[in-house]
Protein backbone atom coordinates (compact mmCIF):
# COMPACT_ATOMS: atom_id res chain seq x y z
CA MET A 1 -45.00 40.87 72.17
CA LYS A 2 -43.35 43.72 70.26
CA ILE A 3 -43.53 43.49 66.46
CA LEU A 4 -41.72 45.72 63.96
CA ILE A 5 -43.04 45.74 60.38
CA TYR A 6 -40.79 47.31 57.75
CA SER A 7 -41.64 48.64 54.29
CA TYR A 8 -39.54 50.93 52.12
CA ASN A 9 -42.26 53.36 51.01
CA ASP A 10 -46.08 53.34 50.84
CA LYS A 11 -48.08 55.39 48.40
CA LEU A 12 -51.86 55.06 48.51
CA GLY A 13 -52.13 51.74 46.65
CA ASP A 14 -49.16 50.27 48.55
CA GLY A 15 -50.73 51.17 51.88
CA LEU A 16 -54.14 49.77 50.97
CA GLN A 17 -52.59 46.45 49.94
CA LYS A 18 -51.07 46.09 53.42
CA ILE A 19 -54.18 46.71 55.50
CA SER A 20 -55.55 43.15 55.37
CA PHE A 21 -52.02 41.95 56.31
CA ILE A 22 -51.80 44.30 59.29
CA GLN A 23 -55.26 43.39 60.52
CA GLU A 24 -54.47 39.68 60.20
CA ILE A 25 -51.20 40.10 62.15
CA LYS A 26 -53.10 41.80 64.95
CA LYS A 27 -55.70 39.02 64.86
CA ARG A 28 -53.00 36.34 65.18
CA PHE A 29 -51.12 38.25 67.89
CA PRO A 30 -53.93 40.15 69.66
CA ASN A 31 -51.82 41.36 72.59
CA SER A 32 -48.94 42.56 70.44
CA ILE A 33 -47.60 46.10 70.23
CA ILE A 34 -47.07 46.85 66.54
CA THR A 35 -44.60 49.42 65.24
CA TYR A 36 -44.75 50.13 61.51
CA THR A 37 -41.74 51.76 59.91
CA THR A 38 -40.55 52.97 56.50
CA THR A 39 -37.37 54.33 54.96
CA GLU A 40 -39.39 56.96 53.12
CA LYS A 41 -43.05 57.78 53.89
CA THR A 42 -46.24 55.80 54.44
CA THR A 43 -49.85 56.73 53.76
CA LEU A 44 -50.78 54.61 56.78
CA LYS A 45 -49.72 57.59 58.90
CA ASN A 46 -52.11 60.07 57.33
CA ILE A 47 -54.51 59.23 54.48
CA LEU A 48 -55.15 55.64 55.57
CA LYS A 49 -54.95 56.27 59.30
CA PRO A 50 -58.72 55.74 59.89
CA LEU A 51 -58.31 52.17 58.61
CA VAL A 52 -55.35 51.16 60.82
CA ASN A 53 -55.83 53.18 64.00
CA GLU A 54 -56.94 50.13 65.97
CA TYR A 55 -54.09 47.92 64.80
CA ILE A 56 -50.87 49.93 64.72
CA ASN A 57 -49.49 51.40 67.93
CA GLU A 58 -46.68 53.45 66.41
CA ILE A 59 -45.52 54.60 62.98
CA ILE A 60 -41.94 55.69 62.29
CA GLU A 61 -41.00 57.21 58.92
CA HIS A 62 -37.49 58.07 57.63
CA ASN A 63 -35.96 55.34 59.79
CA GLY A 64 -32.48 55.36 58.24
CA VAL A 65 -32.76 51.78 56.93
CA ARG A 66 -31.17 52.23 53.51
CA SER A 67 -29.51 50.27 50.75
CA SER A 68 -26.05 51.32 51.88
CA PHE A 69 -22.78 49.48 52.63
CA THR A 70 -21.72 52.41 54.79
CA ASP A 71 -24.72 52.00 57.07
CA LEU A 72 -23.69 48.42 57.80
CA LEU A 73 -20.81 49.82 59.83
CA LYS A 74 -23.01 52.15 61.89
CA ASN A 75 -25.76 51.68 64.45
CA ASN A 76 -29.23 52.83 63.52
CA GLN A 77 -29.79 55.91 65.67
CA ILE A 78 -33.59 55.65 65.67
CA PHE A 79 -33.71 52.04 66.88
CA GLN A 80 -30.48 51.74 68.88
CA ASN A 81 -32.29 51.50 72.23
CA ARG A 82 -35.21 49.40 70.99
CA TYR A 83 -35.83 45.64 71.04
CA PHE A 84 -38.44 43.63 69.14
CA ASP A 85 -39.64 40.07 69.55
CA LEU A 86 -40.32 39.87 65.82
CA ILE A 87 -39.19 41.94 62.84
CA ILE A 88 -41.04 41.44 59.54
CA ASP A 89 -39.28 42.68 56.40
CA LEU A 90 -41.81 43.27 53.60
CA GLN A 91 -39.24 44.12 50.90
CA LYS A 92 -36.46 42.16 49.18
CA VAL A 93 -33.46 44.48 48.72
CA VAL A 94 -30.57 42.70 50.45
CA LEU A 95 -28.68 45.73 51.77
CA ARG A 96 -31.81 47.16 53.35
CA THR A 97 -32.53 43.73 54.85
CA LEU A 98 -29.05 43.55 56.36
CA ASN A 99 -29.38 47.03 57.84
CA LEU A 100 -32.83 46.19 59.20
CA LYS A 101 -31.53 42.99 60.79
CA LYS A 102 -29.07 44.99 62.91
CA ILE A 103 -32.00 46.27 65.00
CA PRO A 104 -32.06 44.19 68.24
CA HIS A 105 -34.59 41.38 67.96
CA LYS A 106 -35.46 37.80 68.85
CA ARG A 107 -36.75 36.57 65.47
CA PHE A 108 -36.41 38.00 61.98
CA PHE A 109 -38.50 37.33 58.87
CA SER A 110 -37.38 38.22 55.35
CA THR A 111 -37.81 36.69 51.90
CA ALA A 112 -34.70 38.51 50.62
CA ALA A 113 -32.12 36.30 48.91
CA ASN A 114 -34.45 33.30 49.17
CA PHE A 115 -34.80 33.53 52.98
CA LEU A 116 -30.99 33.56 53.50
CA PHE A 117 -31.18 36.07 56.38
CA SER A 118 -34.47 34.89 57.85
CA ASP A 119 -35.08 32.87 61.00
CA PHE A 120 -38.14 31.50 59.18
CA LYS A 121 -37.62 29.33 56.12
CA ASN A 122 -40.02 28.48 53.33
CA ASN A 123 -40.68 24.97 54.63
CA ARG A 124 -44.18 24.99 53.11
CA ASN A 125 -42.83 25.79 49.61
CA MET A 126 -45.09 28.79 49.31
CA LYS A 127 -44.87 31.14 46.35
CA PHE A 128 -43.30 34.58 46.84
CA LYS A 129 -42.47 35.65 43.28
CA ASN A 130 -44.72 37.05 40.57
CA ILE A 131 -47.90 36.78 42.64
CA TYR A 132 -50.57 39.23 43.72
CA ILE A 133 -49.12 41.35 46.50
CA GLU A 134 -51.80 40.66 49.14
CA ARG A 135 -51.22 36.94 48.56
CA PHE A 136 -47.49 37.58 49.11
CA TYR A 137 -48.24 39.19 52.49
CA LEU A 138 -50.65 36.43 53.50
CA ASN A 139 -47.98 33.83 52.70
CA ILE A 140 -45.64 35.67 55.07
CA ILE A 141 -48.13 35.24 57.90
CA SER A 142 -48.61 31.59 56.97
CA LEU A 143 -44.90 30.87 57.52
CA ILE A 144 -44.73 32.91 60.70
CA ILE A 145 -47.65 31.06 62.32
CA ASN A 146 -46.83 27.76 60.55
CA GLN A 147 -50.35 27.45 59.19
CA LYS A 148 -51.38 27.96 55.58
CA LEU A 149 -53.94 30.76 55.21
CA GLU A 150 -56.02 30.27 52.10
CA ASN A 151 -58.28 33.28 51.77
CA ILE A 152 -57.40 36.95 51.61
CA GLN A 153 -59.80 38.74 53.92
CA ASN A 154 -61.57 41.99 53.11
CA PHE A 155 -61.13 44.67 55.73
CA GLU A 156 -63.82 46.63 57.53
CA ILE A 157 -64.82 50.01 56.13
CA PRO A 158 -66.41 52.31 58.74
CA ILE A 159 -69.54 54.19 57.63
CA TYR A 160 -69.01 57.84 56.72
CA LYS A 161 -71.62 60.38 55.60
CA VAL A 162 -71.42 61.17 51.87
CA PRO A 163 -73.70 62.75 49.24
CA ILE A 164 -76.30 60.43 47.74
CA LEU A 165 -75.71 60.19 43.99
CA ASP A 166 -78.90 61.06 42.14
CA ASN A 167 -80.25 58.14 40.13
CA LYS A 168 -83.96 58.74 39.55
CA ASN A 169 -83.89 57.06 36.15
CA GLY A 170 -82.33 53.84 37.46
CA ARG A 171 -79.41 54.01 35.02
CA LYS A 172 -76.21 52.15 35.87
CA ARG A 173 -73.45 54.30 37.34
CA ILE A 174 -69.92 54.10 35.95
CA GLY A 175 -67.02 55.87 37.60
CA ILE A 176 -63.88 57.04 35.81
CA ALA A 177 -60.60 57.72 37.63
CA PRO A 178 -58.16 59.23 35.10
CA GLY A 179 -55.25 59.79 37.51
CA ALA A 180 -52.52 57.44 38.76
CA GLY A 181 -50.00 59.53 40.66
CA ASN A 182 -47.51 59.23 37.80
CA ILE A 183 -48.16 60.32 34.22
CA ILE A 184 -46.49 57.23 32.72
CA ARG A 185 -49.24 55.10 34.34
CA GLU A 186 -52.06 57.28 32.98
CA TRP A 187 -53.93 56.47 29.77
CA GLY A 188 -54.89 60.15 29.46
CA PHE A 189 -57.81 62.34 30.49
CA LYS A 190 -58.70 63.12 26.87
CA ASN A 191 -59.15 59.41 26.16
CA TYR A 192 -61.32 58.92 29.23
CA MET A 193 -63.47 61.91 28.28
CA GLU A 194 -64.16 60.27 24.91
CA ILE A 195 -65.15 57.08 26.71
CA ALA A 196 -67.37 59.03 29.11
CA LYS A 197 -69.26 60.64 26.21
CA TYR A 198 -69.58 57.26 24.51
CA LEU A 199 -71.03 55.66 27.66
CA LYS A 200 -73.42 58.55 28.21
CA THR A 201 -74.92 58.07 24.75
CA HIS A 202 -75.39 54.39 25.61
CA GLY A 203 -77.52 55.07 28.67
CA TYR A 204 -75.01 55.16 31.55
CA ASP A 205 -74.54 57.80 34.23
CA VAL A 206 -70.83 58.65 34.36
CA TYR A 207 -68.98 60.19 37.31
CA PHE A 208 -65.36 61.37 37.34
CA PHE A 209 -63.31 60.69 40.46
CA LEU A 210 -60.56 63.28 40.59
CA GLY A 211 -57.82 63.59 43.18
CA PRO A 212 -56.08 66.87 44.09
CA ASN A 213 -53.66 66.44 41.17
CA GLU A 214 -56.57 66.19 38.71
CA SER A 215 -58.33 69.42 39.73
CA LYS A 216 -57.32 70.85 36.34
CA TYR A 217 -59.95 68.57 34.77
CA LEU A 218 -62.86 69.95 36.80
CA GLN A 219 -63.80 72.60 34.24
CA SER A 220 -63.80 70.13 31.37
CA CYS A 221 -66.06 67.76 33.33
CA LYS A 222 -68.43 70.63 34.12
CA LEU A 223 -68.59 71.80 30.51
CA ASN A 224 -69.49 68.26 29.43
CA ASN A 225 -72.07 67.79 32.22
CA PHE A 226 -70.18 65.11 34.13
CA LYS A 227 -70.31 65.25 37.92
CA CYS A 228 -67.26 64.95 40.17
CA PRO A 229 -68.80 63.77 43.47
CA GLU A 230 -65.69 64.42 45.57
CA TRP A 231 -65.75 68.12 44.68
CA GLU A 232 -68.02 71.08 45.43
CA ASN A 233 -67.46 74.70 44.36
CA GLY A 234 -63.96 73.91 43.15
CA LYS A 235 -62.86 72.32 46.43
CA MET A 236 -62.65 68.76 47.69
CA ILE A 237 -65.50 68.04 50.08
CA SER A 238 -63.44 65.86 52.42
CA ASN A 239 -59.88 64.58 52.79
CA ASN A 240 -60.99 61.62 54.88
CA ILE A 241 -60.30 58.35 53.04
CA LEU A 242 -63.61 56.98 54.37
CA PHE A 243 -65.43 59.61 52.28
CA ILE A 244 -64.37 58.11 48.93
CA PHE A 245 -64.75 54.54 50.25
CA ASN A 246 -68.39 55.25 51.00
CA LEU A 247 -68.91 57.13 47.72
CA ALA A 248 -67.50 54.12 45.88
CA LYS A 249 -70.24 51.90 47.30
CA GLN A 250 -72.75 53.74 45.10
CA ILE A 251 -70.91 53.05 41.82
CA ASP A 252 -71.47 49.91 39.72
CA CYS A 253 -67.94 49.76 38.25
CA LEU A 254 -64.85 51.90 37.74
CA LEU A 255 -62.67 52.53 34.68
CA CYS A 256 -59.14 53.40 35.72
CA ASN A 257 -55.37 53.20 35.45
CA ASP A 258 -53.12 51.44 37.94
CA GLY A 259 -53.55 54.08 40.64
CA GLY A 260 -54.63 54.49 44.25
CA THR A 261 -58.28 55.22 43.45
CA SER A 262 -58.60 51.88 41.68
CA TRP A 263 -57.53 50.12 44.87
CA ILE A 264 -60.09 51.99 46.93
CA PHE A 265 -62.88 50.73 44.68
CA GLU A 266 -61.52 47.17 44.57
CA PHE A 267 -61.26 47.03 48.36
CA THR A 268 -64.83 48.31 48.54
CA GLY A 269 -65.87 45.36 46.38
CA ILE A 270 -66.56 47.39 43.23
CA PRO A 271 -65.39 45.83 39.91
CA THR A 272 -62.71 47.79 38.06
CA PHE A 273 -61.59 47.77 34.44
CA LYS A 274 -57.91 48.65 34.77
CA ILE A 275 -55.51 49.48 31.95
CA PHE A 276 -51.80 48.71 32.43
CA GLY A 277 -48.71 49.79 30.56
CA VAL A 278 -45.64 49.84 32.82
CA THR A 279 -46.69 47.88 35.90
CA ASN A 280 -47.44 44.20 36.41
CA GLU A 281 -51.15 43.43 36.19
CA ARG A 282 -50.65 40.15 38.09
CA LYS A 283 -49.30 41.95 41.12
CA PHE A 284 -51.38 45.12 41.05
CA ALA A 285 -54.93 44.01 40.31
CA ARG A 286 -57.07 42.57 43.08
CA PRO A 287 -58.28 39.08 42.15
CA GLU A 288 -62.03 38.77 41.58
CA TYR A 289 -62.47 42.54 41.61
CA SER A 290 -60.33 43.73 38.70
CA THR A 291 -60.41 43.02 34.97
CA THR A 292 -57.11 44.05 33.39
CA LEU A 293 -55.99 45.28 30.01
CA GLN A 294 -52.21 45.10 29.42
CA VAL A 295 -51.38 47.24 26.37
CA LYS A 296 -48.12 45.38 25.67
CA ASP A 297 -50.15 42.26 24.93
CA TYR A 298 -51.55 44.07 21.90
CA GLY A 299 -48.32 45.50 20.50
CA PHE A 300 -48.28 48.92 22.19
CA ASN A 301 -45.10 49.92 24.02
CA THR A 302 -46.67 52.84 25.90
CA LEU A 303 -49.99 53.25 27.65
CA GLN A 304 -50.76 56.53 25.92
CA LYS A 305 -50.63 54.98 22.43
CA PHE A 306 -53.45 52.53 23.12
CA PRO A 307 -56.36 53.60 20.86
CA VAL A 308 -59.78 54.58 22.15
CA GLU A 309 -61.65 52.42 19.63
CA LEU A 310 -59.79 49.27 20.69
CA TYR A 311 -60.40 50.18 24.34
CA LYS A 312 -64.14 50.33 23.61
CA THR A 313 -64.05 46.76 22.31
CA PHE A 314 -62.64 45.40 25.57
CA LEU A 315 -64.81 47.71 27.65
CA LEU A 316 -68.00 46.36 26.09
CA LYS A 317 -66.92 42.80 26.91
CA PHE A 318 -66.28 43.89 30.50
CA LEU A 319 -69.72 45.50 30.82
CA GLN A 320 -71.43 42.50 29.24
CA LYS A 321 -69.69 40.17 31.69
CA LEU A 322 -70.99 42.30 34.57
CA ASN A 323 -74.40 42.42 32.92
CA ILE A 324 -74.66 46.19 33.29
C-alpha cells in the first residue's frame, strides 16, 4: 500500500506534532510505503530525521502543490507518473487540496471545506476545529480506519550520550528557553534573565537552552553564572535532535515561549510553563505536559508588554502545583 501524506510546511514544532501521527499510521498499515511531502520544507527531512527514519520511506519537499487557480489547469510535474492508494491531506486550504487531489490515487482524505473533497466523511462526528493539533491528527486516523482512537501515544526517544548536569546539592533544575523562531512569539531574553536570577535566589539551579539563533545570549548567561548545556566553548556540542531530547530528561520543568524547544521538552514528558501572545494555546500546548499563560486574557495585546512581576505570580503557582 502506497500512502502520500501532505503538509504545507513543517518547522520544528510542526514536525514534532506529527511524529505520533506518522508512527500510528505505520502501525495501522505496517506494510505500507509512506511518502511525506510538503509545499515548502519539513524538519522531518533533517532535524527530526532520527525520529522518523523507520517510518517514512521518502520525503519530497517543494512539491508544487500551491494555493493557485493556475495550477489547477496544469499537471503536477513531480507526481505526474506516481500513483497512491491513499492520500492524506493534513491542511485545510481548499486550492491546495484541489491541486493535491489531482495526483493519481485510489482514496483521498481531507477535512477541507467540511470534507467536501474527501472520500472519507466525518460519520463519527469527530471534532476537527479548535482542538489540540495531535488530537486533530489522531481523529484523522480514526476516520480512515473507522475506529475511534482515544489516547495520543508518546513516541520512542532513542538514547543518546549527553553531559550529566551537575547537581550535588540536590536542588531542582529549571530550564529556560527564551527563543521561539519568531520574535513576535518571544517574551524577551531580558525578562527571562530576571526570572532566572529570581529563581536562583530561591534555591533553584537554572539552565538556559539556546538554539543557534540565540547564541548572542551566551555571554550574558556566562557573566551571570548560568550554564547553557547545549554549548561548549562558544559552539553547539551536537546538532542531533536526540542530544537535546536526552538533555531534557534531566530537567524538572521548562519556562518557555511557544517555540520548538518547548515541544521537545513536552514530548520528553517534562512539564512546561508556556507564555502565549499571538498563537492559540489550545492548539499549541501539549495536554497534561504544558501549563499556559495567554497574555491577552490579562489585558495585554503583545507578549513583550507582559510584566515580569505578574509572570512571577503565575510561575509560583505553577511550581507549587508541581511541588518543586
